[in-house]
Amino acid sequence: MTEGLLQRGVSLQRFNTFGLPARAAWFAAIDAPEQLATLMADPEWRLRRRFVLGGGSNLVLTGDFDGLVLQVRISGREPVGEEADAWLVRAGAGENWHDLVRWTLAQGWPGLENLSLIPGTVGAAPVQNIGAYGLEMAERFQQLEAIDLETGAAVTFDRDACRFGYRDSVFKKAAAGRFLITHVTFRLPKRWRPATGYADVAQELEARRIAQPTAQDISDAVIAIRTRKLPDPARIGNAGSFFKNPVVDVAAFAELAARFPELPYYPQPEGSVKLAAGWLIDRCGWKGRDLGPVGVYERQALVLVNRGGARGEDVLRLARAIQASVRSTFGVELEPEPVLL
């Protein structure tokens, strides 16, 4: 029944931007939701472990996977509604995220420009609640459609049901592995205001002599910044920002600020304080250093890179060494951002 859809022993090296070697015992590329019904009719469906794969840009493969990898390739993007203050745009989960951002801007629908050039797919965006330069995807989210991999039922999640947090959602915790996202709908504001609060963006616009930026201007600025600071996965294997920016309470921040007056920080609405993980790592002397075939990118301490021939265990060894340094120096715990499989 699943002949031609299921593949055995597939290498995942080209399906993860870190370029790490691993194999999936079973693999299926999903181009349409209906294909899941075919797979779920297989008597062995419930016996197999499952992992839903997007663009592999936020993934560290720590070894072979003995279950079924479902690669989501569902395409399509279209306007699906208009309200007094917003446009509603729906996209297939397999669409390239950056391509979607640029397409919405070309249609005259601003709102996603600060998230330009983030690697990955549309379906992965709500799982991670991607964010950059003062904007999180959750702020532009309307709803998503998914298939329950336990029951086969089609399910719709609104923003509350997704339980978005900082680089987090229900799909990374309570619902991890249970749902395959097929489509995401975004709510793009008609009463748009530029988000230029981050220093890098403001400085880039100033260098370009743009005082009143359009959404396209901001997108172009973000692309320029990310291109300068972050390695291209097509040239140097990486998974983007490897650690989340840690959040500490006011007392812990006060103690750190007394010891390190130059410490960058970002007050949060609920009273906590977010710290810059890249600064902490850099201060510990890791920027540009290698540990075996994996290193810390010389232009951005938040990014770990594959210097060639790295395996998942090499990435984990470097990550743990960095965590230990930051813990020893600052008393702060760093949490990995990518999914470790």
C-alpha atoms as a PDB file:
ATOM      1  CA  MET A   1       0.000   0.000   0.000  1.00  0.00           C
ATOM      2  CA  THR A   2       2.849   2.357   0.811  1.00  0.00           C
ATOM      3  CA  GLU A   3       5.082   1.145  -2.017  1.00  0.00           C
ATOM      4  CA  GLY A   4       6.857   4.088  -3.632  1.00  0.00           C
ATOM      5  CA  LEU A   5       6.106   6.398  -0.692  1.00  0.00           C
ATOM      6  CA  LEU A   6       8.188   4.670   1.974  1.00  0.00           C
ATOM      7  CA  GLN A   7      11.941   4.425   1.496  1.00  0.00           C
ATOM      8  CA  ARG A   8      14.362   2.364   3.586  1.00  0.00           C
ATOM      9  CA  GLY A   9      17.742   3.403   4.975  1.00  0.00           C
ATOM     10  CA  VAL A  10      17.828   6.972   3.675  1.00  0.00           C
ATOM     11  CA  SER A  11      20.802   9.235   4.404  1.00  0.00           C
ATOM     12  CA  LEU A  12      19.757  12.429   6.176  1.00  0.00           C
ATOM     13  CA  GLN A  13      23.008  14.290   5.593  1.00  0.00           C
ATOM     14  CA  ARG A  14      21.588  16.442   2.801  1.00  0.00           C
ATOM     15  CA  PHE A  15      18.421  17.088   4.779  1.00  0.00           C
ATOM     16  CA  ASN A  16      20.126  18.964   7.642  1.00  0.00           C
ATOM     17  CA  THR A  17      21.986  22.256   7.208  1.00  0.00           C
ATOM     18  CA  PHE A  18      24.675  21.235   9.710  1.00  0.00           C
ATOM     19  CA  GLY A  19      25.664  18.522   7.219  1.00  0.00           C
ATOM     20  CA  LEU A  20      25.795  15.838   9.907  1.00  0.00           C
ATOM     21  CA  PRO A  21      25.730  12.179   8.832  1.00  0.00           C
ATOM     22  CA  ALA A  22      22.839   9.976   9.941  1.00  0.00           C
ATOM     23  CA  ARG A  23      20.393   7.558   8.389  1.00  0.00           C
ATOM     24  CA  ALA A  24      16.670   7.080   8.811  1.00  0.00           C
ATOM     25  CA  ALA A  25      15.400   3.524   8.975  1.00  0.00           C
ATOM     26  CA  TRP A  26      12.352   4.719   7.046  1.00  0.00           C
ATOM     27  CA  PHE A  27      11.696   7.935   5.113  1.00  0.00           C
ATOM     28  CA  ALA A  28       8.696   9.467   3.327  1.00  0.00           C
ATOM     29  CA  ALA A  29       8.371  12.796   1.540  1.00  0.00           C
ATOM     30  CA  ILE A  30       4.923  14.315   2.118  1.00  0.00           C
ATOM     31  CA  ASP A  31       3.740  16.524  -0.764  1.00  0.00           C
ATOM     32  CA  ALA A  32       0.055  16.445   0.188  1.00  0.00           C
ATOM     33  CA  PRO A  33      -1.855  15.739   3.428  1.00  0.00           C
ATOM     34  CA  GLU A  34      -3.683  12.865   1.746  1.00  0.00           C
ATOM     35  CA  GLN A  35      -0.461  10.849   1.638  1.00  0.00           C
ATOM     36  CA  LEU A  36      -0.551  10.556   5.405  1.00  0.00           C
ATOM     37  CA  ALA A  37      -3.751   8.523   5.194  1.00  0.00           C
ATOM     38  CA  THR A  38      -1.910   6.022   3.015  1.00  0.00           C
ATOM     39  CA  LEU A  39       0.939   5.768   5.510  1.00  0.00           C
ATOM     40  CA  MET A  40      -1.371   5.491   8.503  1.00  0.00           C
ATOM     41  CA  ALA A  41      -3.165   2.558   6.878  1.00  0.00           C
ATOM     42  CA  ASP A  42       0.080   0.588   7.109  1.00  0.00           C
ATOM     43  CA  PRO A  43      -0.240  -1.996   9.944  1.00  0.00           C
ATOM     44  CA  GLU A  44       3.234  -1.056  11.201  1.00  0.00           C
ATOM     45  CA  TRP A  45       2.447   2.676  11.468  1.00  0.00           C
ATOM     46  CA  ARG A  46       1.951   2.691  15.239  1.00  0.00           C
ATOM     47  CA  LEU A  47       5.046   0.559  15.813  1.00  0.00           C
ATOM     48  CA  ARG A  48       7.404   3.090  14.258  1.00  0.00           C
ATOM     49  CA  ARG A  49       8.905   6.122  15.962  1.00  0.00           C
ATOM     50  CA  ARG A  50       8.229   9.234  13.891  1.00  0.00           C
ATOM     51  CA  PHE A  51       9.968  12.540  13.334  1.00  0.00           C
ATOM     52  CA  VAL A  52       8.587  15.422  11.262  1.00  0.00           C
ATOM     53  CA  LEU A  53      11.299  17.152   9.225  1.00  0.00           C
ATOM     54  CA  GLY A  54      11.114  20.588   7.656  1.00  0.00           C
ATOM     55  CA  GLY A  55      14.178  22.224   6.153  1.00  0.00           C
ATOM     56  CA  GLY A  56      16.544  20.700   8.715  1.00  0.00           C
ATOM     57  CA  SER A  57      17.932  24.142   9.587  1.00  0.00           C
ATOM     58  CA  ASN A  58      17.219  23.855  13.307  1.00  0.00           C
ATOM     59  CA  LEU A  59      18.300  20.263  13.793  1.00  0.00           C
ATOM     60  CA  VAL A  60      21.297  18.409  15.228  1.00  0.00           C
ATOM     61  CA  LEU A  61      21.421  14.736  14.272  1.00  0.00           C
ATOM     62  CA  THR A  62      23.133  12.866  17.087  1.00  0.00           C
ATOM     63  CA  GLY A  63      22.985   9.474  15.350  1.00  0.00           C
ATOM     64  CA  ASP A  64      20.882   7.214  13.146  1.00  0.00           C
ATOM     65  CA  PHE A  65      17.116   7.366  13.606  1.00  0.00           C
ATOM     66  CA  ASP A  66      15.459   3.964  13.943  1.00  0.00           C
ATOM     67  CA  GLY A  67      11.977   5.176  13.005  1.00  0.00           C
ATOM     68  CA  LEU A  68      10.176   7.015  10.198  1.00  0.00           C
ATOM     69  CA  VAL A  69      11.196  10.510   9.091  1.00  0.00           C
ATOM     70  CA  LEU A  70       8.378  12.469   7.458  1.00  0.00           C
ATOM     71  CA  GLN A  71       9.749  15.272   5.297  1.00  0.00           C
ATOM     72  CA  VAL A  72       7.091  17.950   4.753  1.00  0.00           C
ATOM     73  CA  ARG A  73       7.093  19.376   1.220  1.00  0.00           C
ATOM     74  CA  ILE A  74       3.538  20.761   1.014  1.00  0.00           C
ATOM     75  CA  SER A  75       3.614  23.880  -1.171  1.00  0.00           C
ATOM     76  CA  GLY A  76       1.326  26.790  -2.021  1.00  0.00           C
ATOM     77  CA  ARG A  77       0.715  30.348  -0.842  1.00  0.00           C
ATOM     78  CA  GLU A  78      -2.377  32.491  -1.232  1.00  0.00           C
ATOM     79  CA  PRO A  79      -4.442  35.279   0.311  1.00  0.00           C
ATOM     80  CA  VAL A  80      -7.419  33.762   2.133  1.00  0.00           C
ATOM     81  CA  GLY A  81      -9.160  36.773   3.613  1.00  0.00           C
ATOM     82  CA  GLU A  82      -9.110  40.445   4.397  1.00  0.00           C
ATOM     83  CA  GLU A  83     -10.225  42.275   7.512  1.00  0.00           C
ATOM     84  CA  ALA A  84     -10.473  45.956   8.311  1.00  0.00           C
ATOM     85  CA  ASP A  85      -6.986  45.970   9.793  1.00  0.00           C
ATOM     86  CA  ALA A  86      -5.237  42.939   8.300  1.00  0.00           C
ATOM     87  CA  TRP A  87      -4.612  40.647   5.358  1.00  0.00           C
ATOM     88  CA  LEU A  88      -4.756  36.884   5.934  1.00  0.00           C
ATOM     89  CA  VAL A  89      -2.214  34.827   4.000  1.00  0.00           C
ATOM     90  CA  ARG A  90      -2.018  31.010   3.980  1.00  0.00           C
ATOM     91  CA  ALA A  91       1.059  29.002   3.023  1.00  0.00           C
ATOM     92  CA  GLY A  92       1.953  25.337   2.729  1.00  0.00           C
ATOM     93  CA  ALA A  93       4.214  24.004   5.460  1.00  0.00           C
ATOM     94  CA  GLY A  94       6.884  23.002   2.956  1.00  0.00           C
ATOM     95  CA  GLU A  95       7.299  26.502   1.535  1.00  0.00           C
ATOM     96  CA  ASN A  96      10.665  28.178   2.061  1.00  0.00           C
ATOM     97  CA  TRP A  97      10.257  30.744   4.847  1.00  0.00           C
ATOM     98  CA  HIS A  98      12.371  33.517   3.323  1.00  0.00           C
ATOM     99  CA  ASP A  99      10.671  33.111  -0.051  1.00  0.00           C
ATOM    100  CA  LEU A 100       7.314  33.589   1.673  1.00  0.00           C
ATOM    101  CA  VAL A 101       8.523  36.756   3.407  1.00  0.00           C
ATOM    102  CA  ARG A 102       9.750  38.299   0.176  1.00  0.00           C
ATOM    103  CA  TRP A 103       6.585  37.262  -1.658  1.00  0.00           C
ATOM    104  CA  THR A 104       4.314  38.933   0.911  1.00  0.00           C
ATOM    105  CA  LEU A 105       6.330  42.134   0.633  1.00  0.00           C
ATOM    106  CA  ALA A 106       6.098  42.035  -3.154  1.00  0.00           C
ATOM    107  CA  GLN A 107       2.299  41.817  -2.810  1.00  0.00           C
ATOM    108  CA  GLY A 108       2.288  44.922  -0.606  1.00  0.00           C
ATOM    109  CA  TRP A 109       1.573  43.024   2.634  1.00  0.00           C
ATOM    110  CA  PRO A 110       4.118  44.093   5.295  1.00  0.00           C
ATOM    111  CA  GLY A 111       4.672  42.494   8.662  1.00  0.00           C
ATOM    112  CA  LEU A 112       7.235  39.711   8.263  1.00  0.00           C
ATOM    113  CA  GLU A 113      10.186  41.820   7.091  1.00  0.00           C
ATOM    114  CA  ASN A 114      12.199  41.555  10.338  1.00  0.00           C
ATOM    115  CA  LEU A 115      12.184  37.767   9.886  1.00  0.00           C
ATOM    116  CA  SER A 116      13.862  37.892   6.470  1.00  0.00           C
ATOM    117  CA  LEU A 117      16.539  35.331   5.607  1.00  0.00           C
ATOM    118  CA  ILE A 118      15.738  33.022   8.513  1.00  0.00           C
ATOM    119  CA  PRO A 119      16.389  29.541   7.094  1.00  0.00           C
ATOM    120  CA  GLY A 120      13.817  26.777   7.178  1.00  0.00           C
ATOM    121  CA  THR A 121      10.245  26.143   6.162  1.00  0.00           C
ATOM    122  CA  VAL A 122       6.883  27.710   6.945  1.00  0.00           C
ATOM    123  CA  GLY A 123       5.783  24.648   8.918  1.00  0.00           C
ATOM    124  CA  ALA A 124       8.809  24.842  11.193  1.00  0.00           C
ATOM    125  CA  ALA A 125       8.230  28.537  11.991  1.00  0.00           C
ATOM    126  CA  PRO A 126       5.459  28.025  14.593  1.00  0.00           C
ATOM    127  CA  VAL A 127       7.199  25.015  16.146  1.00  0.00           C
ATOM    128  CA  GLN A 128      10.179  27.178  17.005  1.00  0.00           C
ATOM    129  CA  ASN A 129       8.254  30.471  17.154  1.00  0.00           C
ATOM    130  CA  ILE A 130      11.071  31.976  15.132  1.00  0.00           C
ATOM    131  CA  GLY A 131      12.088  35.521  15.885  1.00  0.00           C
ATOM    132  CA  ALA A 132      14.671  38.160  15.053  1.00  0.00           C
ATOM    133  CA  TYR A 133      15.325  41.876  15.422  1.00  0.00           C
ATOM    134  CA  GLY A 134      12.427  42.651  17.714  1.00  0.00           C
ATOM    135  CA  LEU A 135       9.720  40.473  16.151  1.00  0.00           C
ATOM    136  CA  GLU A 136       8.438  36.961  16.864  1.00  0.00           C
ATOM    137  CA  MET A 137       6.390  34.950  14.405  1.00  0.00           C
ATOM    138  CA  ALA A 138       3.631  34.602  17.024  1.00  0.00           C
ATOM    139  CA  GLU A 139       2.862  38.305  16.596  1.00  0.00           C
ATOM    140  CA  ARG A 140       1.834  37.679  12.979  1.00  0.00           C
ATOM    141  CA  PHE A 141       0.203  34.274  13.486  1.00  0.00           C
ATOM    142  CA  GLN A 142      -3.480  33.583  12.829  1.00  0.00           C
ATOM    143  CA  GLN A 143      -3.823  29.776  12.854  1.00  0.00           C
ATOM    144  CA  LEU A 144      -2.312  26.555  11.580  1.00  0.00           C
ATOM    145  CA  GLU A 145      -3.691  23.323  10.193  1.00  0.00           C
ATOM    146  CA  ALA A 146      -2.226  19.964  11.173  1.00  0.00           C
ATOM    147  CA  ILE A 147      -2.822  16.227  11.030  1.00  0.00           C
ATOM    148  CA  ASP A 148      -2.917  14.304  14.298  1.00  0.00           C
ATOM    149  CA  LEU A 149      -0.474  11.457  13.696  1.00  0.00           C
ATOM    150  CA  GLU A 150      -2.204   9.329  16.327  1.00  0.00           C
ATOM    151  CA  THR A 151      -5.749   9.565  14.982  1.00  0.00           C
ATOM    152  CA  GLY A 152      -5.438  10.909  11.435  1.00  0.00           C
ATOM    153  CA  ALA A 153      -7.816  13.771  12.259  1.00  0.00           C
ATOM    154  CA  ALA A 154      -7.366  17.233  10.776  1.00  0.00           C
ATOM    155  CA  VAL A 155      -6.889  19.788  13.554  1.00  0.00           C
ATOM    156  CA  THR A 156      -6.733  23.587  13.633  1.00  0.00           C
ATOM    157  CA  PHE A 157      -4.670  25.465  16.226  1.00  0.00           C
ATOM    158  CA  ASP A 158      -5.233  29.112  17.067  1.00  0.00           C
ATOM    159  CA  ARG A 159      -2.599  31.225  18.780  1.00  0.00           C
ATOM    160  CA  ASP A 160      -3.636  30.271  22.316  1.00  0.00           C
ATOM    161  CA  ALA A 161      -3.600  26.560  21.502  1.00  0.00           C
ATOM    162  CA  CYS A 162      -0.033  26.847  20.204  1.00  0.00           C
ATOM    163  CA  ARG A 163       1.199  28.140  23.600  1.00  0.00           C
ATOM    164  CA  PHE A 164       3.909  30.234  22.050  1.00  0.00           C
ATOM    165  CA  GLY A 165       6.892  31.224  24.168  1.00  0.00           C
ATOM    166  CA  TYR A 166      10.421  32.413  23.525  1.00  0.00           C
ATOM    167  CA  ARG A 167      11.611  30.047  20.747  1.00  0.00           C
ATOM    168  CA  ASP A 168       9.003  27.637  22.009  1.00  0.00           C
ATOM    169  CA  SER A 169       5.532  26.218  21.417  1.00  0.00           C
ATOM    170  CA  VAL A 170       3.322  23.291  22.372  1.00  0.00           C
ATOM    171  CA  PHE A 171       4.845  21.413  19.414  1.00  0.00           C
ATOM    172  CA  LYS A 172       8.218  21.289  21.192  1.00  0.00           C
ATOM    173  CA  LYS A 173       6.742  20.121  24.494  1.00  0.00           C
ATOM    174  CA  ALA A 174       3.364  18.530  25.255  1.00  0.00           C
ATOM    175  CA  ALA A 175       2.539  17.860  21.583  1.00  0.00           C
ATOM    176  CA  ALA A 176       6.063  17.047  20.418  1.00  0.00           C
ATOM    177  CA  GLY A 177       5.964  14.539  17.577  1.00  0.00           C
ATOM    178  CA  ARG A 178       2.196  14.149  17.563  1.00  0.00           C
ATOM    179  CA  PHE A 179       1.179  16.603  14.827  1.00  0.00           C
ATOM    180  CA  LEU A 180       2.325  17.226  11.280  1.00  0.00           C
ATOM    181  CA  ILE A 181       1.682  20.855  10.324  1.00  0.00           C
ATOM    182  CA  THR A 182       0.311  21.181   6.800  1.00  0.00           C
ATOM    183  CA  HIS A 183      -0.527  24.897   6.438  1.00  0.00           C
ATOM    184  CA  VAL A 184      -0.036  28.142   8.361  1.00  0.00           C
ATOM    185  CA  THR A 185      -2.101  31.318   8.075  1.00  0.00           C
ATOM    186  CA  PHE A 186      -0.593  34.699   8.947  1.00  0.00           C
ATOM    187  CA  ARG A 187      -2.283  37.955   9.905  1.00  0.00           C
ATOM    188  CA  LEU A 188      -0.416  40.854   8.314  1.00  0.00           C
ATOM    189  CA  PRO A 189      -1.259  44.360   9.583  1.00  0.00           C
ATOM    190  CA  LYS A 190      -2.640  47.105   7.392  1.00  0.00           C
ATOM    191  CA  ARG A 191      -1.735  49.698  10.023  1.00  0.00           C
ATOM    192  CA  TRP A 192       1.919  48.784   9.771  1.00  0.00           C
ATOM    193  CA  ARG A 193       4.668  50.399  11.799  1.00  0.00           C
ATOM    194  CA  PRO A 194       8.376  49.746  11.212  1.00  0.00           C
ATOM    195  CA  ALA A 195      10.147  47.805  13.965  1.00  0.00           C
ATOM    196  CA  THR A 196      13.606  49.369  14.095  1.00  0.00           C
ATOM    197  CA  GLY A 197      14.335  49.179  17.811  1.00  0.00           C
ATOM    198  CA  TYR A 198      17.282  46.824  17.460  1.00  0.00           C
ATOM    199  CA  ALA A 199      20.577  48.687  17.180  1.00  0.00           C
ATOM    200  CA  ASP A 200      21.830  46.630  14.228  1.00  0.00           C
ATOM    201  CA  VAL A 201      18.756  47.480  12.167  1.00  0.00           C
ATOM    202  CA  ALA A 202      18.808  51.164  13.108  1.00  0.00           C
ATOM    203  CA  GLN A 203      22.518  51.421  12.273  1.00  0.00           C
ATOM    204  CA  GLU A 204      22.080  49.670   8.925  1.00  0.00           C
ATOM    205  CA  LEU A 205      19.227  52.002   7.937  1.00  0.00           C
ATOM    206  CA  GLU A 206      21.269  55.025   9.022  1.00  0.00           C
ATOM    207  CA  ALA A 207      24.211  53.817   6.929  1.00  0.00           C
ATOM    208  CA  ARG A 208      21.831  53.590   3.979  1.00  0.00           C
ATOM    209  CA  ARG A 209      20.516  57.105   4.772  1.00  0.00           C
ATOM    210  CA  ILE A 210      16.956  55.859   5.160  1.00  0.00           C
ATOM    211  CA  ALA A 211      15.051  57.902   7.741  1.00  0.00           C
ATOM    212  CA  GLN A 212      11.545  56.600   7.001  1.00  0.00           C
ATOM    213  CA  PRO A 213      11.957  52.959   6.014  1.00  0.00           C
ATOM    214  CA  THR A 214       9.439  50.876   4.141  1.00  0.00           C
ATOM    215  CA  ALA A 215       8.938  47.213   4.970  1.00  0.00           C
ATOM    216  CA  GLN A 216      11.102  46.408   1.938  1.00  0.00           C
ATOM    217  CA  ASP A 217      13.860  48.672   3.298  1.00  0.00           C
ATOM    218  CA  ILE A 218      13.826  46.818   6.601  1.00  0.00           C
ATOM    219  CA  SER A 219      13.898  43.449   4.872  1.00  0.00           C
ATOM    220  CA  ASP A 220      16.881  44.531   2.782  1.00  0.00           C
ATOM    221  CA  ALA A 221      18.656  45.813   5.897  1.00  0.00           C
ATOM    222  CA  VAL A 222      18.035  42.571   7.797  1.00  0.00           C
ATOM    223  CA  ILE A 223      19.305  40.516   4.853  1.00  0.00           C
ATOM    224  CA  ALA A 224      22.491  42.598   4.749  1.00  0.00           C
ATOM    225  CA  ILE A 225      23.043  42.220   8.498  1.00  0.00           C
ATOM    226  CA  ARG A 226      22.439  38.473   8.537  1.00  0.00           C
ATOM    227  CA  THR A 227      24.645  37.956   5.483  1.00  0.00           C
ATOM    228  CA  ARG A 228      27.528  39.737   7.200  1.00  0.00           C
ATOM    229  CA  LYS A 229      27.128  38.082  10.588  1.00  0.00           C
ATOM    230  CA  LEU A 230      25.939  34.544   9.848  1.00  0.00           C
ATOM    231  CA  PRO A 231      27.472  31.775   7.725  1.00  0.00           C
ATOM    232  CA  ASP A 232      25.685  30.473   4.646  1.00  0.00           C
ATOM    233  CA  PRO A 233      24.738  26.818   5.378  1.00  0.00           C
ATOM    234  CA  ALA A 234      25.427  26.021   1.722  1.00  0.00           C
ATOM    235  CA  ARG A 235      29.089  26.878   2.366  1.00  0.00           C
ATOM    236  CA  ILE A 236      29.613  26.163   6.076  1.00  0.00           C
ATOM    237  CA  GLY A 237      27.399  23.636   7.845  1.00  0.00           C
ATOM    238  CA  ASN A 238      25.490  25.168  10.766  1.00  0.00           C
ATOM    239  CA  ALA A 239      22.080  25.339  12.425  1.00  0.00           C
ATOM    240  CA  GLY A 240      21.951  29.105  12.959  1.00  0.00           C
ATOM    241  CA  SER A 241      21.826  30.415  16.524  1.00  0.00           C
ATOM    242  CA  PHE A 242      22.707  27.431  18.674  1.00  0.00           C
ATOM    243  CA  PHE A 243      21.727  28.765  22.102  1.00  0.00           C
ATOM    244  CA  LYS A 244      18.708  30.677  23.319  1.00  0.00           C
ATOM    245  CA  ASN A 245      19.296  34.042  24.955  1.00  0.00           C
ATOM    246  CA  PRO A 246      18.985  33.205  28.673  1.00  0.00           C
ATOM    247  CA  VAL A 247      16.379  34.953  30.807  1.00  0.00           C
ATOM    248  CA  VAL A 248      17.211  35.695  34.462  1.00  0.00           C
ATOM    249  CA  ASP A 249      15.351  37.323  37.333  1.00  0.00           C
ATOM    250  CA  VAL A 250      16.070  40.867  38.515  1.00  0.00           C
ATOM    251  CA  ALA A 251      18.217  39.783  41.462  1.00  0.00           C
ATOM    252  CA  ALA A 252      20.454  37.592  39.304  1.00  0.00           C
ATOM    253  CA  PHE A 253      20.781  40.365  36.749  1.00  0.00           C
ATOM    254  CA  ALA A 254      21.719  42.936  39.396  1.00  0.00           C
ATOM    255  CA  GLU A 255      24.511  40.681  40.633  1.00  0.00           C
ATOM    256  CA  LEU A 256      25.802  40.118  37.102  1.00  0.00           C
ATOM    257  CA  ALA A 257      25.578  43.794  36.161  1.00  0.00           C
ATOM    258  CA  ALA A 258      27.657  44.721  39.217  1.00  0.00           C
ATOM    259  CA  ARG A 259      30.389  42.327  38.095  1.00  0.00           C
ATOM    260  CA  PHE A 260      30.092  43.042  34.371  1.00  0.00           C
ATOM    261  CA  PRO A 261      28.883  46.647  33.790  1.00  0.00           C
ATOM    262  CA  GLU A 262      29.186  46.229  30.017  1.00  0.00           C
ATOM    263  CA  LEU A 263      26.784  43.249  29.996  1.00  0.00           C
ATOM    264  CA  PRO A 264      24.108  43.713  27.271  1.00  0.00           C
ATOM    265  CA  TYR A 265      20.580  43.174  28.559  1.00  0.00           C
ATOM    266  CA  TYR A 266      16.959  43.460  27.483  1.00  0.00           C
ATOM    267  CA  PRO A 267      14.246  44.058  30.131  1.00  0.00           C
ATOM    268  CA  GLN A 268      11.171  41.884  29.590  1.00  0.00           C
ATOM    269  CA  PRO A 269       7.543  42.961  30.127  1.00  0.00           C
ATOM    270  CA  GLU A 270       7.002  40.605  33.069  1.00  0.00           C
ATOM    271  CA  GLY A 271      10.035  41.943  34.930  1.00  0.00           C
ATOM    272  CA  SER A 272      12.728  39.425  34.034  1.00  0.00           C
ATOM    273  CA  VAL A 273      15.836  40.307  32.015  1.00  0.00           C
ATOM    274  CA  LYS A 274      17.058  38.664  28.806  1.00  0.00           C
ATOM    275  CA  LEU A 275      20.823  38.394  28.305  1.00  0.00           C
ATOM    276  CA  ALA A 276      22.786  38.098  25.064  1.00  0.00           C
ATOM    277  CA  ALA A 277      24.044  34.518  24.832  1.00  0.00           C
ATOM    278  CA  GLY A 278      26.513  35.464  22.107  1.00  0.00           C
ATOM    279  CA  TRP A 279      28.148  38.053  24.366  1.00  0.00           C
ATOM    280  CA  LEU A 280      28.464  35.559  27.216  1.00  0.00           C
ATOM    281  CA  ILE A 281      30.085  32.996  24.913  1.00  0.00           C
ATOM    282  CA  ASP A 282      32.410  35.585  23.395  1.00  0.00           C
ATOM    283  CA  ARG A 283      33.443  36.820  26.857  1.00  0.00           C
ATOM    284  CA  CYS A 284      34.402  33.240  27.718  1.00  0.00           C
ATOM    285  CA  GLY A 285      36.816  33.266  24.784  1.00  0.00           C
ATOM    286  CA  TRP A 286      35.043  30.843  22.476  1.00  0.00           C
ATOM    287  CA  LYS A 287      34.532  32.987  19.372  1.00  0.00           C
ATOM    288  CA  GLY A 288      36.625  31.566  16.530  1.00  0.00           C
ATOM    289  CA  ARG A 289      37.783  28.545  18.556  1.00  0.00           C
ATOM    290  CA  ASP A 290      37.464  24.956  17.359  1.00  0.00           C
ATOM    291  CA  LEU A 291      37.044  21.744  19.277  1.00  0.00           C
ATOM    292  CA  GLY A 292      37.799  18.967  16.838  1.00  0.00           C
ATOM    293  CA  PRO A 293      35.864  19.359  13.570  1.00  0.00           C
ATOM    294  CA  VAL A 294      33.312  21.782  15.091  1.00  0.00           C
ATOM    295  CA  GLY A 295      33.946  25.422  15.938  1.00  0.00           C
ATOM    296  CA  VAL A 296      32.411  28.700  17.020  1.00  0.00           C
ATOM    297  CA  TYR A 297      31.917  31.026  14.062  1.00  0.00           C
ATOM    298  CA  GLU A 298      34.431  33.844  14.036  1.00  0.00           C
ATOM    299  CA  ARG A 299      31.822  36.514  13.244  1.00  0.00           C
ATOM    300  CA  GLN A 300      29.081  35.391  15.624  1.00  0.00           C
ATOM    301  CA  ALA A 301      29.723  33.471  18.829  1.00  0.00           C
ATOM    302  CA  LEU A 302      26.142  32.205  18.899  1.00  0.00           C
ATOM    303  CA  VAL A 303      26.704  29.989  15.850  1.00  0.00           C
ATOM    304  CA  LEU A 304      28.467  26.617  15.886  1.00  0.00           C
ATOM    305  CA  VAL A 305      29.856  25.460  12.531  1.00  0.00           C
ATOM    306  CA  ASN A 306      30.919  22.218  10.898  1.00  0.00           C
ATOM    307  CA  ARG A 307      34.539  22.683   9.799  1.00  0.00           C
ATOM    308  CA  GLY A 308      34.314  19.428   7.849  1.00  0.00           C
ATOM    309  CA  GLY A 309      33.547  15.835   8.721  1.00  0.00           C
ATOM    310  CA  ALA A 310      31.754  16.595  11.981  1.00  0.00           C
ATOM    311  CA  ARG A 311      29.335  14.165  13.599  1.00  0.00           C
ATOM    312  CA  GLY A 312      26.547  14.865  16.053  1.00  0.00           C
ATOM    313  CA  GLU A 313      28.706  13.807  18.998  1.00  0.00           C
ATOM    314  CA  ASP A 314      31.278  16.468  18.038  1.00  0.00           C
ATOM    315  CA  VAL A 315      28.614  19.187  18.098  1.00  0.00           C
ATOM    316  CA  LEU A 316      27.364  18.061  21.498  1.00  0.00           C
ATOM    317  CA  ARG A 317      30.904  17.972  22.911  1.00  0.00           C
ATOM    318  CA  LEU A 318      31.525  21.609  21.926  1.00  0.00           C
ATOM    319  CA  ALA A 319      28.073  22.713  23.099  1.00  0.00           C
ATOM    320  CA  ARG A 320      28.648  21.165  26.533  1.00  0.00           C
ATOM    321  CA  ALA A 321      32.064  22.785  26.829  1.00  0.00           C
ATOM    322  CA  ILE A 322      30.562  26.199  26.065  1.00  0.00           C
ATOM    323  CA  GLN A 323      27.739  25.636  28.548  1.00  0.00           C
ATOM    324  CA  ALA A 324      30.269  24.720  31.233  1.00  0.00           C
ATOM    325  CA  SER A 325      32.319  27.875  30.574  1.00  0.00           C
ATOM    326  CA  VAL A 326      29.300  30.178  30.750  1.00  0.00           C
ATOM    327  CA  ARG A 327      28.026  28.412  33.864  1.00  0.00           C
ATOM    328  CA  SER A 328      31.400  28.746  35.579  1.00  0.00           C
ATOM    329  CA  THR A 329      31.937  32.396  34.617  1.00  0.00           C
ATOM    330  CA  PHE A 330      28.433  33.825  34.914  1.00  0.00           C
ATOM    331  CA  GLY A 331      26.355  31.246  36.781  1.00  0.00           C
ATOM    332  CA  VAL A 332      23.974  31.230  33.803  1.00  0.00           C
ATOM    333  CA  GLU A 333      22.630  28.135  32.057  1.00  0.00           C
ATOM    334  CA  LEU A 334      22.539  28.134  28.252  1.00  0.00           C
ATOM    335  CA  GLU A 335      19.814  26.098  26.559  1.00  0.00           C
ATOM    336  CA  PRO A 336      20.312  24.757  23.018  1.00  0.00           C
ATOM    337  CA  GLU A 337      17.920  26.167  20.450  1.00  0.00           C
ATOM    338  CA  PRO A 338      17.981  23.390  17.807  1.00  0.00           C
ATOM    339  CA  VAL A 339      16.166  20.086  18.148  1.00  0.00           C
ATOM    340  CA  LEU A 340      18.555  17.320  19.164  1.00  0.00           C
ATOM    341  CA  LEU A 341      17.546  14.056  17.475  1.00  0.00           C
END
